[in-house]
Structure formats: structure tokens, C-alpha cells
């Protein structure tokens, strides 16, 4: 069952249902980044080596601890992509106001999810 804590007013059940379908892809993507530690082929998630080492060690930066940010960013993409096809300052301000957590801490994960291209 989806965690709806801090859910913005615009987030619908349909968006949450869609999130549940792509959640595994996000988790796999996150795991792949850890698996590719040190590889030139690793997907760029705007992380440095310290972030990757923390994830590999099972620190607080595990996927499960960032799911709220990923879920929010993905739902925002579904909601706002036609108005904001690319991340910009106006979108950033709108999402900052809607987010129910620590936006400054989670912003890069929200942006990553907003820019994520899922293929069914």
C-alpha cells in the first residue's frame, strides 16, 4: 500500500497507482547505481563517491529512505509535464511549496524522478 503521508492536494489515486507500477524500476535503477560503483557506465544521479559509498554501506541514503521524494517527483511529472516539459525555476518553486518534507535535502531526488523516462 502506498504511503500517502504528506501527499499534496493535487496528487490523485491514479498517480499513486502509476507510481506503484514504476516503483520497482526506480528501485532497480537505484540498485544498479550501487552495483556500478566505479564504473564509467554507471548512471549519473548527481551523486559523488561519498553518496555511493553510504548507499553501499546501507546508510540512511537507501532507496526506501528516498522513496517519498522519488514518488513525489514522479507524480509531479505526471501532473505538470505538459506545462513544464523541463525542470526550471518556476517548477522548482511550485514543488517546493507543495512538498511535505525537507525539500532542500530531497530536491535532487525529486528532480531525478521528474526527469525519469519510464518505458512501459
Protein backbone atom coordinates (compact mmCIF):
# COMPACT_ATOMS: atom_id res chain seq x y z
CA UNK A 1 0.00 0.00 0.00
CA UNK A 2 1.31 3.45 -0.89
CA UNK A 3 2.38 5.80 1.84
CA UNK A 4 0.25 8.93 1.46
CA UNK A 5 1.90 10.87 4.27
CA UNK A 6 2.47 14.49 3.24
CA UNK A 7 0.56 13.94 0.00
CA UNK A 8 -0.10 17.22 -1.83
CA UNK A 9 -3.71 18.09 -2.66
CA UNK A 10 -3.14 17.64 -6.40
CA UNK A 11 -1.83 14.06 -6.10
CA UNK A 12 -4.55 11.64 -7.20
CA UNK A 13 -5.09 7.92 -6.68
CA UNK A 14 -4.32 7.44 -10.39
CA UNK A 15 -0.89 8.98 -9.94
CA UNK A 16 -0.28 6.82 -6.90
CA UNK A 17 -1.32 3.74 -8.88
CA UNK A 18 1.10 4.70 -11.65
CA UNK A 19 3.83 5.21 -9.05
CA UNK A 20 3.28 1.68 -7.75
CA UNK A 21 3.85 0.33 -11.28
CA UNK A 22 7.15 2.18 -11.80
CA UNK A 23 8.41 1.90 -8.23
CA UNK A 24 10.29 -1.32 -8.98
CA UNK A 25 12.03 0.37 -11.92
CA UNK A 26 13.20 3.14 -9.62
CA UNK A 27 14.41 0.59 -7.07
CA UNK A 28 16.28 -1.33 -9.77
CA UNK A 29 17.79 1.90 -11.07
CA UNK A 30 18.93 2.78 -7.57
CA UNK A 31 20.41 -0.66 -7.04
CA UNK A 32 22.14 -0.55 -10.42
CA UNK A 33 23.83 2.69 -9.46
CA UNK A 34 25.26 0.98 -6.39
CA UNK A 35 26.26 -2.09 -8.40
CA UNK A 36 28.09 0.10 -10.92
CA UNK A 37 30.25 1.72 -8.25
CA UNK A 38 33.40 2.87 -10.00
CA UNK A 39 32.14 2.05 -13.48
CA UNK A 40 32.16 4.60 -16.29
CA UNK A 41 28.84 3.08 -17.35
CA UNK A 42 27.09 3.98 -14.07
CA UNK A 43 24.02 6.15 -14.46
CA UNK A 44 24.64 9.72 -13.32
CA UNK A 45 22.32 10.52 -10.42
CA UNK A 46 24.24 13.66 -9.49
CA UNK A 47 25.98 11.84 -6.68
CA UNK A 48 29.59 11.85 -5.65
CA UNK A 49 31.63 8.91 -4.37
CA UNK A 50 30.70 9.63 -0.74
CA UNK A 51 26.99 9.25 -1.56
CA UNK A 52 27.56 5.95 -3.34
CA UNK A 53 29.69 4.54 -0.50
CA UNK A 54 27.00 5.49 2.03
CA UNK A 55 24.38 3.69 -0.06
CA UNK A 56 26.53 0.60 -0.45
CA UNK A 57 27.11 0.52 3.30
CA UNK A 58 23.36 0.56 3.94
CA UNK A 59 23.27 4.06 5.37
CA UNK A 60 20.25 6.31 5.65
CA UNK A 61 20.54 7.03 1.92
CA UNK A 62 18.93 3.73 0.88
CA UNK A 63 16.18 3.79 -1.76
CA UNK A 64 13.50 3.16 0.84
CA UNK A 65 14.54 6.35 2.63
CA UNK A 66 14.22 8.38 -0.56
CA UNK A 67 11.01 6.82 -1.86
CA UNK A 68 8.85 9.77 -0.75
CA UNK A 69 10.99 12.14 -2.85
CA UNK A 70 11.02 9.82 -5.88
CA UNK A 71 7.27 9.25 -5.61
CA UNK A 72 6.58 12.98 -5.32
CA UNK A 73 8.81 13.84 -8.29
CA UNK A 74 7.25 11.17 -10.46
CA UNK A 75 3.69 12.22 -9.55
CA UNK A 76 4.65 15.85 -10.25
CA UNK A 77 5.92 14.82 -13.68
CA UNK A 78 2.58 13.19 -14.44
CA UNK A 79 0.75 16.30 -13.24
CA UNK A 80 2.92 19.12 -14.62
CA UNK A 81 4.93 17.78 -17.56
CA UNK A 82 2.76 19.43 -20.20
CA UNK A 83 3.23 22.83 -18.51
CA UNK A 84 6.86 22.20 -17.54
CA UNK A 85 8.47 19.77 -20.02
CA UNK A 86 11.86 20.55 -18.48
CA UNK A 87 12.86 21.34 -14.93
CA UNK A 88 13.02 25.10 -14.35
CA UNK A 89 12.88 27.68 -11.55
CA UNK A 90 9.09 28.11 -11.75
CA UNK A 91 8.50 24.38 -11.39
CA UNK A 92 11.06 24.21 -8.60
CA UNK A 93 9.21 26.92 -6.65
CA UNK A 94 5.85 25.23 -7.18
CA UNK A 95 7.12 21.85 -6.00
CA UNK A 96 8.96 23.38 -3.03
CA UNK A 97 5.65 24.84 -1.84
CA UNK A 98 3.81 21.51 -2.29
CA UNK A 99 6.38 19.15 -0.78
CA UNK A 100 5.62 17.81 2.68
CA UNK A 101 9.19 17.02 3.64
CA UNK A 102 12.67 18.53 3.61
CA UNK A 103 12.72 19.89 0.07
CA UNK A 104 16.31 21.13 0.21
CA UNK A 105 17.52 17.66 1.21
CA UNK A 106 15.31 15.79 -1.27
CA UNK A 107 15.35 18.18 -4.23
CA UNK A 108 17.85 16.20 -6.33
CA UNK A 109 15.82 13.01 -5.89
CA UNK A 110 12.60 14.83 -6.77
CA UNK A 111 14.23 16.28 -9.87
CA UNK A 112 15.66 12.89 -10.87
CA UNK A 113 12.18 11.35 -10.66
CA UNK A 114 10.62 14.27 -12.54
CA UNK A 115 13.08 13.78 -15.39
CA UNK A 116 12.80 9.98 -15.33
CA UNK A 117 11.64 8.44 -18.61
CA UNK A 118 9.80 5.17 -17.95
CA UNK A 119 9.00 2.90 -20.87
CA UNK A 120 6.07 0.51 -20.35
